[in-house]
């Protein structure tokens, strides 16, 4: 099953959200609402998220940096766990029928060496 995901960065390239968007943007709207930025139902969620993080013409929503909110969120912790699980899965797979364990990065290095 494919999911629409969004990597939202603030000025300077700092992550403020990475995850599912959800049907009618409900997942990301819920994330922002939990942290003090409730998107009105008559507003485009994409435009609102940019305004909320201060990337638009209005000051950002709330008094904290959205990067800090992200780093302290359970959503961030879930992403870290998912990345760790992917790494473990990748490291346990063999490459080209050999008994080596590898990740995609080391596989590319070993093939080009």
C-alpha atoms as a PDB file:
ATOM      1  CA  UNK A   1       0.000   0.000   0.000  1.00  0.00           C
ATOM      2  CA  UNK A   2       1.361   3.387  -0.994  1.00  0.00           C
ATOM      3  CA  UNK A   3       0.987   6.359   1.295  1.00  0.00           C
ATOM      4  CA  UNK A   4       1.377  10.007   0.512  1.00  0.00           C
ATOM      5  CA  UNK A   5       4.076  11.413   2.762  1.00  0.00           C
ATOM      6  CA  UNK A   6       5.469  14.866   3.204  1.00  0.00           C
ATOM      7  CA  UNK A   7       8.877  16.136   4.229  1.00  0.00           C
ATOM      8  CA  UNK A   8       8.258  19.710   5.362  1.00  0.00           C
ATOM      9  CA  UNK A   9      11.322  21.870   5.886  1.00  0.00           C
ATOM     10  CA  UNK A  10      11.582  25.327   7.367  1.00  0.00           C
ATOM     11  CA  UNK A  11      14.063  27.978   6.300  1.00  0.00           C
ATOM     12  CA  UNK A  12      17.573  26.667   6.741  1.00  0.00           C
ATOM     13  CA  UNK A  13      16.550  23.138   5.750  1.00  0.00           C
ATOM     14  CA  UNK A  14      15.414  22.012   9.213  1.00  0.00           C
ATOM     15  CA  UNK A  15      12.740  19.315   9.318  1.00  0.00           C
ATOM     16  CA  UNK A  16       9.462  20.383  10.888  1.00  0.00           C
ATOM     17  CA  UNK A  17       7.412  17.359   9.804  1.00  0.00           C
ATOM     18  CA  UNK A  18       7.929  14.067   8.038  1.00  0.00           C
ATOM     19  CA  UNK A  19       5.108  11.630   7.716  1.00  0.00           C
ATOM     20  CA  UNK A  20       1.766  10.756   6.291  1.00  0.00           C
ATOM     21  CA  UNK A  21      -0.527  13.410   4.914  1.00  0.00           C
ATOM     22  CA  UNK A  22      -3.698  11.370   5.261  1.00  0.00           C
ATOM     23  CA  UNK A  23      -6.994  11.502   3.444  1.00  0.00           C
ATOM     24  CA  UNK A  24      -8.027  15.149   3.040  1.00  0.00           C
ATOM     25  CA  UNK A  25      -4.789  16.052   4.886  1.00  0.00           C
ATOM     26  CA  UNK A  26      -6.267  14.810   8.174  1.00  0.00           C
ATOM     27  CA  UNK A  27      -3.039  13.305   9.559  1.00  0.00           C
ATOM     28  CA  UNK A  28      -0.893  16.372   9.040  1.00  0.00           C
ATOM     29  CA  UNK A  29      -3.723  18.698  10.089  1.00  0.00           C
ATOM     30  CA  UNK A  30      -4.049  16.702  13.305  1.00  0.00           C
ATOM     31  CA  UNK A  31      -0.290  16.916  13.951  1.00  0.00           C
ATOM     32  CA  UNK A  32      -0.293  20.687  13.620  1.00  0.00           C
ATOM     33  CA  UNK A  33      -3.498  21.047  15.661  1.00  0.00           C
ATOM     34  CA  UNK A  34      -1.969  19.006  18.511  1.00  0.00           C
ATOM     35  CA  UNK A  35       0.847  21.529  18.585  1.00  0.00           C
ATOM     36  CA  UNK A  36      -1.238  24.691  18.521  1.00  0.00           C
ATOM     37  CA  UNK A  37      -1.812  25.381  14.827  1.00  0.00           C
ATOM     38  CA  UNK A  38      -5.411  24.485  14.022  1.00  0.00           C
ATOM     39  CA  UNK A  39      -6.051  24.721  10.279  1.00  0.00           C
ATOM     40  CA  UNK A  40      -9.506  26.167   9.552  1.00  0.00           C
ATOM     41  CA  UNK A  41     -11.678  23.906   7.395  1.00  0.00           C
ATOM     42  CA  UNK A  42     -12.057  26.572   4.698  1.00  0.00           C
ATOM     43  CA  UNK A  43      -8.274  27.036   4.231  1.00  0.00           C
ATOM     44  CA  UNK A  44      -5.925  25.141   1.922  1.00  0.00           C
ATOM     45  CA  UNK A  45      -3.911  22.868   4.278  1.00  0.00           C
ATOM     46  CA  UNK A  46      -0.703  23.184   2.237  1.00  0.00           C
ATOM     47  CA  UNK A  47      -0.810  26.962   2.361  1.00  0.00           C
ATOM     48  CA  UNK A  48      -1.726  26.903   6.039  1.00  0.00           C
ATOM     49  CA  UNK A  49       1.211  24.652   6.976  1.00  0.00           C
ATOM     50  CA  UNK A  50       3.608  27.055   5.264  1.00  0.00           C
ATOM     51  CA  UNK A  51       2.047  29.978   7.112  1.00  0.00           C
ATOM     52  CA  UNK A  52       2.125  28.057  10.425  1.00  0.00           C
ATOM     53  CA  UNK A  53       5.874  27.416  10.209  1.00  0.00           C
ATOM     54  CA  UNK A  54       6.610  31.004   9.185  1.00  0.00           C
ATOM     55  CA  UNK A  55       7.389  30.362   5.526  1.00  0.00           C
ATOM     56  CA  UNK A  56       4.560  32.593   4.335  1.00  0.00           C
ATOM     57  CA  UNK A  57       3.748  36.241   4.752  1.00  0.00           C
ATOM     58  CA  UNK A  58       2.490  36.016   8.343  1.00  0.00           C
ATOM     59  CA  UNK A  59       4.420  35.227  11.544  1.00  0.00           C
ATOM     60  CA  UNK A  60       4.590  31.550  12.451  1.00  0.00           C
ATOM     61  CA  UNK A  61       1.937  29.998  14.669  1.00  0.00           C
ATOM     62  CA  UNK A  62       2.953  29.608  18.292  1.00  0.00           C
ATOM     63  CA  UNK A  63       5.965  30.783  20.224  1.00  0.00           C
ATOM     64  CA  UNK A  64       8.241  27.768  19.619  1.00  0.00           C
ATOM     65  CA  UNK A  65      10.327  26.781  16.632  1.00  0.00           C
ATOM     66  CA  UNK A  66       8.552  24.018  14.705  1.00  0.00           C
ATOM     67  CA  UNK A  67      11.869  22.169  14.330  1.00  0.00           C
ATOM     68  CA  UNK A  68      12.039  21.803  18.121  1.00  0.00           C
ATOM     69  CA  UNK A  69       8.419  20.667  18.284  1.00  0.00           C
ATOM     70  CA  UNK A  70       9.182  17.998  15.665  1.00  0.00           C
ATOM     71  CA  UNK A  71      12.287  16.744  17.472  1.00  0.00           C
ATOM     72  CA  UNK A  72      10.325  16.363  20.715  1.00  0.00           C
ATOM     73  CA  UNK A  73       7.290  14.676  19.128  1.00  0.00           C
ATOM     74  CA  UNK A  74       6.222  11.040  19.254  1.00  0.00           C
ATOM     75  CA  UNK A  75       5.881  11.271  15.451  1.00  0.00           C
ATOM     76  CA  UNK A  76       9.632  11.869  15.205  1.00  0.00           C
ATOM     77  CA  UNK A  77      10.315   8.898  17.487  1.00  0.00           C
ATOM     78  CA  UNK A  78       8.108   6.694  15.268  1.00  0.00           C
ATOM     79  CA  UNK A  79      10.091   7.760  12.178  1.00  0.00           C
ATOM     80  CA  UNK A  80      13.360   6.892  13.949  1.00  0.00           C
ATOM     81  CA  UNK A  81      12.009   3.438  14.841  1.00  0.00           C
ATOM     82  CA  UNK A  82      10.874   2.894  11.237  1.00  0.00           C
ATOM     83  CA  UNK A  83      14.316   3.875   9.913  1.00  0.00           C
ATOM     84  CA  UNK A  84      16.001   1.497  12.374  1.00  0.00           C
ATOM     85  CA  UNK A  85      13.697  -1.345  11.288  1.00  0.00           C
ATOM     86  CA  UNK A  86      14.493  -0.642   7.621  1.00  0.00           C
ATOM     87  CA  UNK A  87      18.210  -0.695   8.381  1.00  0.00           C
ATOM     88  CA  UNK A  88      17.893  -4.019  10.187  1.00  0.00           C
ATOM     89  CA  UNK A  89      15.918  -5.510   7.313  1.00  0.00           C
ATOM     90  CA  UNK A  90      18.457  -4.241   4.781  1.00  0.00           C
ATOM     91  CA  UNK A  91      21.399  -5.547   6.750  1.00  0.00           C
ATOM     92  CA  UNK A  92      19.888  -9.019   7.020  1.00  0.00           C
ATOM     93  CA  UNK A  93      19.308  -9.471   3.280  1.00  0.00           C
ATOM     94  CA  UNK A  94      21.856 -11.163   1.058  1.00  0.00           C
ATOM     95  CA  UNK A  95      23.163  -9.537  -2.077  1.00  0.00           C
ATOM     96  CA  UNK A  96      23.500 -11.425  -5.373  1.00  0.00           C
ATOM     97  CA  UNK A  97      22.959 -14.766  -3.628  1.00  0.00           C
ATOM     98  CA  UNK A  98      26.037 -14.380  -1.431  1.00  0.00           C
ATOM     99  CA  UNK A  99      26.000 -14.769   2.318  1.00  0.00           C
ATOM    100  CA  UNK A 100      27.130 -11.194   2.870  1.00  0.00           C
ATOM    101  CA  UNK A 101      24.960  -8.840   4.837  1.00  0.00           C
ATOM    102  CA  UNK A 102      24.824  -5.343   3.538  1.00  0.00           C
ATOM    103  CA  UNK A 103      22.964  -2.097   3.166  1.00  0.00           C
ATOM    104  CA  UNK A 104      22.295  -0.405  -0.134  1.00  0.00           C
ATOM    105  CA  UNK A 105      25.128   2.070   0.463  1.00  0.00           C
ATOM    106  CA  UNK A 106      27.772  -0.542   1.203  1.00  0.00           C
ATOM    107  CA  UNK A 107      26.475  -2.626  -1.698  1.00  0.00           C
ATOM    108  CA  UNK A 108      27.135   0.256  -4.066  1.00  0.00           C
ATOM    109  CA  UNK A 109      30.590   0.772  -2.610  1.00  0.00           C
ATOM    110  CA  UNK A 110      31.547  -2.915  -2.886  1.00  0.00           C
ATOM    111  CA  UNK A 111      30.346  -3.153  -6.487  1.00  0.00           C
ATOM    112  CA  UNK A 112      32.297  -0.070  -7.505  1.00  0.00           C
ATOM    113  CA  UNK A 113      35.493  -1.029  -5.637  1.00  0.00           C
END
